[in-house]
Protein backbone atom coordinates (compact mmCIF):
# COMPACT_ATOMS: atom_id res chain seq x y z
CA UNK A 1 -22.89 -10.99 6.85
CA UNK A 2 -25.64 -10.54 4.40
CA UNK A 3 -27.86 -13.50 4.03
CA UNK A 4 -30.44 -15.02 1.51
CA UNK A 5 -31.75 -11.76 0.02
CA UNK A 6 -33.59 -11.56 -3.57
CA UNK A 7 -33.14 -8.69 -5.94
CA UNK A 8 -35.07 -8.44 -9.49
CA UNK A 9 -33.17 -5.74 -11.82
CA UNK A 10 -35.23 -2.88 -13.05
CA UNK A 11 -35.16 -1.29 -16.70
CA UNK A 12 -32.82 1.29 -15.11
CA UNK A 13 -30.24 -1.14 -14.35
CA UNK A 14 -30.24 -3.50 -17.27
CA UNK A 15 -27.17 -3.94 -19.45
CA UNK A 16 -25.34 -3.51 -16.10
CA UNK A 17 -22.51 -5.96 -15.28
CA UNK A 18 -23.34 -8.31 -12.35
CA UNK A 19 -20.16 -7.24 -10.40
CA UNK A 20 -20.69 -3.47 -10.39
CA UNK A 21 -24.70 -3.80 -10.04
CA UNK A 22 -24.28 -5.43 -6.59
CA UNK A 23 -21.40 -2.82 -5.66
CA UNK A 24 -23.19 0.11 -6.32
CA UNK A 25 -26.18 -1.70 -4.20
CA UNK A 26 -24.01 -2.16 -0.99
CA UNK A 27 -21.57 0.68 -1.61
CA UNK A 28 -19.86 -0.04 2.13
CA UNK A 29 -18.76 -3.39 0.66
CA UNK A 30 -15.78 -3.61 -1.68
CA UNK A 31 -15.94 -4.63 -5.05
CA UNK A 32 -13.33 -6.79 -4.49
CA UNK A 33 -15.37 -8.60 -1.92
CA UNK A 34 -18.27 -8.75 -4.47
CA UNK A 35 -16.16 -10.43 -6.85
CA UNK A 36 -14.95 -13.29 -4.81
CA UNK A 37 -18.48 -13.84 -3.33
CA UNK A 38 -19.55 -14.04 -7.20
CA UNK A 39 -16.47 -16.77 -7.88
CA UNK A 40 -17.34 -18.46 -4.64
CA UNK A 41 -20.65 -19.46 -6.16
CA UNK A 42 -23.05 -17.35 -3.75
CA UNK A 43 -24.57 -15.17 -6.22
CA UNK A 44 -27.12 -16.22 -8.24
CA UNK A 45 -28.48 -15.22 -11.44
CA UNK A 46 -31.60 -16.75 -12.41
CA UNK A 47 -31.02 -19.84 -10.60
CA UNK A 48 -27.61 -20.20 -11.53
CA UNK A 49 -24.14 -19.41 -10.60
CA UNK A 50 -23.05 -15.70 -11.59
CA UNK A 51 -20.01 -14.70 -13.28
CA UNK A 52 -18.92 -11.55 -12.28
CA UNK A 53 -19.16 -9.74 -16.18
CA UNK A 54 -22.36 -11.24 -17.15
CA UNK A 55 -24.52 -8.40 -18.44
CA UNK A 56 -27.78 -8.22 -16.62
CA UNK A 57 -31.57 -7.52 -17.92
CA UNK A 58 -34.64 -5.83 -16.77
CA UNK A 59 -36.40 -8.97 -14.73
CA UNK A 60 -33.38 -10.77 -13.97
CA UNK A 61 -33.81 -12.57 -10.38
CA UNK A 62 -30.40 -11.86 -8.47
CA UNK A 63 -30.08 -14.12 -5.06
CA UNK A 64 -27.21 -13.42 -2.48
CA UNK A 65 -27.07 -16.50 -0.27
CA UNK A 66 -24.41 -15.14 1.61
CA UNK A 67 -21.83 -12.12 1.50
CA UNK A 68 -19.65 -10.66 3.97
CA UNK A 69 -19.58 -6.74 5.73
CA UNK A 70 -16.68 -5.30 6.63
CA UNK A 71 -17.42 -5.55 10.23
CA UNK A 72 -17.14 -9.66 8.94
CA UNK A 73 -13.43 -9.04 7.77
CA UNK A 74 -11.22 -10.44 10.24
CA UNK A 75 -7.65 -11.69 8.91
CA UNK A 76 -6.31 -15.39 10.01
CA UNK A 77 -3.07 -16.17 11.11
CA UNK A 78 -1.20 -18.14 8.07
CA UNK A 79 1.39 -20.47 9.51
CA UNK A 80 2.98 -21.15 6.38
CA UNK A 81 4.41 -17.74 5.67
CA UNK A 82 7.83 -16.74 6.15
CA UNK A 83 9.09 -13.43 6.29
CA UNK A 84 12.50 -12.28 7.60
CA UNK A 85 12.55 -10.38 11.60
CA UNK A 86 14.73 -7.48 11.51
CA UNK A 87 13.64 -6.69 15.53
CA UNK A 88 11.94 -8.01 18.42
CA UNK A 89 11.27 -7.46 21.97
CA UNK A 90 8.27 -8.01 24.05
CA UNK A 91 6.38 -4.67 23.00
CA UNK A 92 7.56 -4.43 18.80
CA UNK A 93 7.99 -6.23 15.77
CA UNK A 94 9.38 -4.68 12.63
CA UNK A 95 9.77 -7.20 9.68
CA UNK A 96 11.55 -7.12 6.18
CA UNK A 97 8.69 -7.05 3.76
CA UNK A 98 9.48 -8.55 0.57
CA UNK A 99 8.29 -7.03 -2.59
CA UNK A 100 4.78 -8.43 -4.09
CA UNK A 101 3.51 -8.96 -0.54
CA UNK A 102 0.68 -6.71 0.75
CA UNK A 103 1.03 -5.21 4.07
CA UNK A 104 -2.72 -6.38 4.90
CA UNK A 105 -5.48 -8.13 3.56
CA UNK A 106 -8.35 -6.14 1.64
CA UNK A 107 -10.74 -9.17 1.96
CA UNK A 108 -11.53 -11.92 4.52
CA UNK A 109 -9.99 -14.64 2.36
CA UNK A 110 -6.48 -13.01 1.55
CA UNK A 111 -4.04 -14.32 3.62
CA UNK A 112 -0.75 -13.86 2.33
CA UNK A 113 0.41 -10.87 3.95
CA UNK A 114 2.38 -9.48 6.73
CA UNK A 115 -0.62 -9.43 8.68
CA UNK A 116 -1.35 -12.93 8.51
CA UNK A 117 2.42 -13.75 9.27
CA UNK A 118 1.78 -11.57 12.18
CA UNK A 119 -1.17 -12.94 13.79
CA UNK A 120 0.83 -16.09 13.52
CA UNK A 121 3.33 -15.08 15.71
CA UNK A 122 1.32 -12.94 17.88
CA UNK A 123 -2.17 -13.89 17.90
CA UNK A 124 -2.97 -11.50 21.17
CA UNK A 125 -2.88 -8.23 18.36
CA UNK A 126 -5.82 -8.66 16.85
CA UNK A 127 -7.88 -6.88 19.00
CA UNK A 128 -6.13 -3.28 17.83
CA UNK A 129 -5.15 -1.39 15.03
CA UNK A 130 -6.27 1.05 12.40
CA UNK A 131 -8.86 -1.49 10.97
CA UNK A 132 -9.99 -5.03 11.59
CA UNK A 133 -8.27 -5.44 8.51
CA UNK A 134 -4.58 -3.83 9.91
CA UNK A 135 -4.33 -5.25 13.32
CA UNK A 136 -0.99 -4.20 15.26
CA UNK A 137 1.00 -2.69 12.07
CA UNK A 138 1.90 0.82 12.60
CA UNK A 139 1.95 1.84 8.95
CA UNK A 140 1.74 0.18 5.46
CA UNK A 141 4.26 -0.57 2.55
CA UNK A 142 2.91 -0.57 -1.11
CA UNK A 143 2.85 -3.88 -2.31
CA UNK A 144 5.75 -3.73 -4.37
CA UNK A 145 7.75 -1.80 -1.88
CA UNK A 146 10.14 -3.95 0.14
CA UNK A 147 11.70 -3.20 3.63
CA UNK A 148 10.89 -1.97 7.25
CA UNK A 149 7.44 -2.64 8.73
CA UNK A 150 6.72 -1.90 12.28
CA UNK A 151 3.80 -3.34 14.29
CA UNK A 152 3.07 -3.18 18.11
CA UNK A 153 2.70 -6.14 20.37
CA UNK A 154 0.10 -4.27 22.54
CA UNK A 155 -2.07 -1.94 22.04
CA UNK A 156 -0.04 0.75 24.98
CA UNK A 157 3.16 0.33 22.42
CA UNK A 158 0.62 1.19 19.54
CA UNK A 159 -0.58 4.38 20.90
CA UNK A 160 2.96 5.26 21.84
CA UNK A 161 4.61 5.18 18.39
CA UNK A 162 1.36 6.14 16.50
CA UNK A 163 1.62 9.27 18.78
CA UNK A 164 5.42 9.55 18.06
CA UNK A 165 4.75 9.23 14.13
CA UNK A 166 2.11 11.85 14.54
CA UNK A 167 4.44 14.44 16.15
CA UNK A 168 6.86 13.48 13.37
CA UNK A 169 9.70 11.99 15.70
CA UNK A 170 9.97 8.79 14.10
CA UNK A 171 12.51 8.97 10.93
CA UNK A 172 12.12 6.30 7.91
CA UNK A 173 14.67 6.43 5.19
CA UNK A 174 14.25 4.63 2.18
CA UNK A 175 16.40 3.65 -1.09
CA UNK A 176 15.00 4.55 -4.26
CA UNK A 177 16.64 4.08 -7.73
CA UNK A 178 15.35 7.00 -9.69
CA UNK A 179 15.61 8.28 -13.22
CA UNK A 180 18.02 11.23 -14.02
CA UNK A 181 20.37 12.72 -11.66
CA UNK A 182 19.37 15.65 -9.21
CA UNK A 183 21.55 18.58 -9.53
CA UNK A 184 21.59 18.63 -5.80
CA UNK A 185 20.50 17.17 -2.74
CA UNK A 186 16.74 19.08 -1.56
CA UNK A 187 13.65 18.80 0.29
CA UNK A 188 10.42 18.59 -1.69
CA UNK A 189 7.69 20.33 0.46
CA UNK A 190 4.60 20.32 -2.06
CA UNK A 191 1.86 19.70 -0.45
CA UNK A 192 -0.37 16.12 -1.64
CA UNK A 193 -3.70 15.38 -2.54
CA UNK A 194 -5.54 12.89 -4.43
CA UNK A 195 -5.53 12.87 -8.08
CA UNK A 196 -8.90 13.84 -9.70
CA UNK A 197 -8.80 11.43 -12.81
CA UNK A 198 -7.19 8.59 -11.48
CA UNK A 199 -8.02 7.03 -8.28
CA UNK A 200 -4.98 4.76 -8.01
CA UNK A 201 -2.78 8.06 -7.83
CA UNK A 202 -1.87 10.72 -5.63
CA UNK A 203 -0.64 14.37 -7.16
CA UNK A 204 1.94 16.52 -5.85
CA UNK A 205 0.37 20.40 -5.38
CA UNK A 206 3.03 22.49 -7.56
CA UNK A 207 0.36 25.41 -7.56
CA UNK A 208 -2.51 26.95 -5.97
CA UNK A 209 -4.43 25.65 -8.43
CA UNK A 210 -3.48 21.87 -7.67
CA UNK A 211 -5.06 22.42 -4.24
CA UNK A 212 -8.49 22.66 -5.60
CA UNK A 213 -10.70 20.07 -4.77
CA UNK A 214 -10.00 17.37 -2.39
CA UNK A 215 -8.19 16.55 0.77
CA UNK A 216 -4.57 18.56 1.25
CA UNK A 217 -2.02 16.50 2.92
CA UNK A 218 1.31 18.29 4.03
CA UNK A 219 4.54 16.23 3.26
CA UNK A 220 7.98 16.79 3.34
CA UNK A 221 10.70 14.74 1.44
CA UNK A 222 14.16 14.76 1.91
CA UNK A 223 17.16 12.83 -0.55
CA UNK A 224 20.43 13.17 -1.13
CA UNK A 225 22.36 10.93 -3.96
CA UNK A 226 23.93 8.13 -2.53
CA UNK A 227 25.54 6.89 -6.25
CA UNK A 228 25.15 8.18 -9.49
CA UNK A 229 25.16 5.87 -12.51
CA UNK A 230 24.69 6.47 -16.66
CA UNK A 231 20.71 7.58 -16.62
CA UNK A 232 19.82 6.54 -13.07
CA UNK A 233 20.69 7.63 -9.26
CA UNK A 234 20.14 6.11 -5.96
CA UNK A 235 18.78 8.17 -3.44
CA UNK A 236 18.69 7.85 0.09
CA UNK A 237 15.02 9.37 0.89
CA UNK A 238 13.95 10.11 4.49
CA UNK A 239 10.20 11.03 5.55
CA UNK A 240 8.68 12.03 8.77
CA UNK A 241 5.49 12.14 7.46
CA UNK A 242 3.39 9.04 6.10
CA UNK A 243 0.83 10.21 2.80
CA UNK A 244 0.17 7.68 0.35
CA UNK A 245 2.49 7.13 -2.31
CA UNK A 246 4.45 10.78 -0.57
CA UNK A 247 7.91 9.15 -1.90
CA UNK A 248 6.71 8.16 -5.41
CA UNK A 249 4.84 11.16 -6.32
CA UNK A 250 7.11 13.71 -5.02
CA UNK A 251 10.03 12.19 -6.72
CA UNK A 252 8.06 12.22 -10.09
CA UNK A 253 7.12 15.83 -9.29
CA UNK A 254 10.77 16.73 -9.63
CA UNK A 255 11.02 14.96 -13.16
CA UNK A 256 13.04 11.89 -11.36
CA UNK A 257 10.47 9.11 -11.05
CA UNK A 258 11.48 5.88 -9.46
CA UNK A 259 12.80 3.17 -11.88
CA UNK A 260 9.66 0.58 -12.62
CA UNK A 261 6.74 2.78 -11.53
CA UNK A 262 4.89 2.77 -14.43
CA UNK A 263 2.05 4.61 -12.29
CA UNK A 264 3.86 8.08 -12.04
CA UNK A 265 6.35 7.80 -14.86
CA UNK A 266 5.24 9.42 -17.87
CA UNK A 267 5.36 8.10 -21.51
CA UNK A 268 8.96 9.47 -22.04
CA UNK A 269 10.19 8.41 -18.66
CA UNK A 270 9.05 5.13 -19.69
CA UNK A 271 10.81 4.91 -22.87
CA UNK A 272 14.10 6.08 -20.62
CA UNK A 273 13.62 3.51 -18.19
CA UNK A 274 15.87 1.01 -19.77
CA UNK A 275 15.99 -1.13 -16.88
CA UNK A 276 12.39 -1.79 -16.70
CA UNK A 277 12.44 -3.41 -13.59
CA UNK A 278 9.35 -5.61 -12.69
CA UNK A 279 8.76 -3.79 -9.74
CA UNK A 280 9.35 0.02 -8.53
CA UNK A 281 12.59 0.11 -7.16
CA UNK A 282 11.95 1.54 -3.95
CA UNK A 283 12.83 -0.34 -0.71
CA UNK A 284 12.45 0.94 3.19
CA UNK A 285 16.01 0.76 4.50
CA UNK A 286 16.25 2.32 7.78
CA UNK A 287 14.09 3.11 10.66
CA UNK A 288 15.15 5.44 13.64
CA UNK A 289 13.23 5.57 16.71
CA UNK A 290 14.49 8.25 19.30
CA UNK A 291 14.21 7.64 23.09
CA UNK A 292 10.63 8.95 23.80
CA UNK A 293 7.22 8.53 25.36
CA UNK A 294 8.57 5.48 27.25
CA UNK A 295 10.54 4.26 24.05
CA UNK A 296 13.52 3.00 23.93
CA UNK A 297 15.85 4.54 21.23
CA UNK A 298 16.42 2.38 18.09
CA UNK A 299 17.36 2.12 14.76
CA UNK A 300 17.19 -0.81 12.48
CA UNK A 301 18.09 -1.76 9.07
CA UNK A 302 16.83 -3.93 6.34
CA UNK A 303 19.64 -5.47 3.97
CA UNK A 304 18.91 -4.34 0.42
CA UNK A 305 16.96 -7.15 -1.70
CA UNK A 306 19.06 -9.29 -4.36
CA UNK A 307 16.58 -7.92 -7.07
CA UNK A 308 17.14 -4.69 -6.32
CA UNK A 309 21.21 -4.81 -6.09
CA UNK A 310 20.94 -6.80 -9.56
CA UNK A 311 19.12 -4.17 -11.05
CA UNK A 312 21.95 -1.63 -9.97
CA UNK A 313 24.54 -4.30 -11.33
CA UNK A 314 23.41 -4.02 -15.10
CA UNK A 315 24.39 0.07 -14.50
CA UNK A 316 27.76 1.78 -14.90
CA UNK A 317 28.52 3.54 -11.83
CA UNK A 318 29.82 7.49 -12.42
CA UNK A 319 30.84 10.24 -10.45
């Protein structure tokens, strides 16, 4: 925890926003955490409660009463959250994450995530995971992606399933409502890297030039057409790798972006997406785990959400 720090704004920082100024001073702390600290009244400017967008002047006195650091960020249990449990035994918990709910918190006070639900049900899992803010969960789903999310209930299981995922032994199948109709079933093997102009996005490497700059992630996305509609297709999409935005990025790269995915749709696609759903229509439908590494074989599915079904019901099915 950062406590009782006073900073005088220098001439070179005059005209900077308060939240950006603090975030630049402490690059290991997220801007979101900085903004929440400001909103709570813990950062003063010349003795008065600061606002995140206030513009600073040379000589301003910034007083930080307290601000959490990443090491302080341990999520809490939330007993009021309700999430459907699809499968549970002594080692593994699989839930059906609703669209709109984050997989894990990004800040200490955020408590409406899958992790906060898991900590209430299984408080013993707080000591292991990818990071202090991601205890127990074995993978993530984007906030607007619904469906199956796995969490280990002990450290041994976490290590076993993590190893199986690394060896691409676990298969995850998604349902995606996309624009247009692919000519045939296929496999997309383009590697993926972070977009050089938009940090929110990933980019499929369609040429050697695309591979210049940034880390390259190998990825494979298989798809088959489950249903065809007028202007849309429902795809079953299977992955064994786990690259950020893999399915969304790969499908957009073959000119069939997911309906509602404004981040990966072109301007032309947005105009043709007449459904205009309130979220991208991607659902983590099925997880298949083979008998391996002390784990029993397991296959679970999550029902298609009501909103997803409602959007498809508006379409006319074709052959």
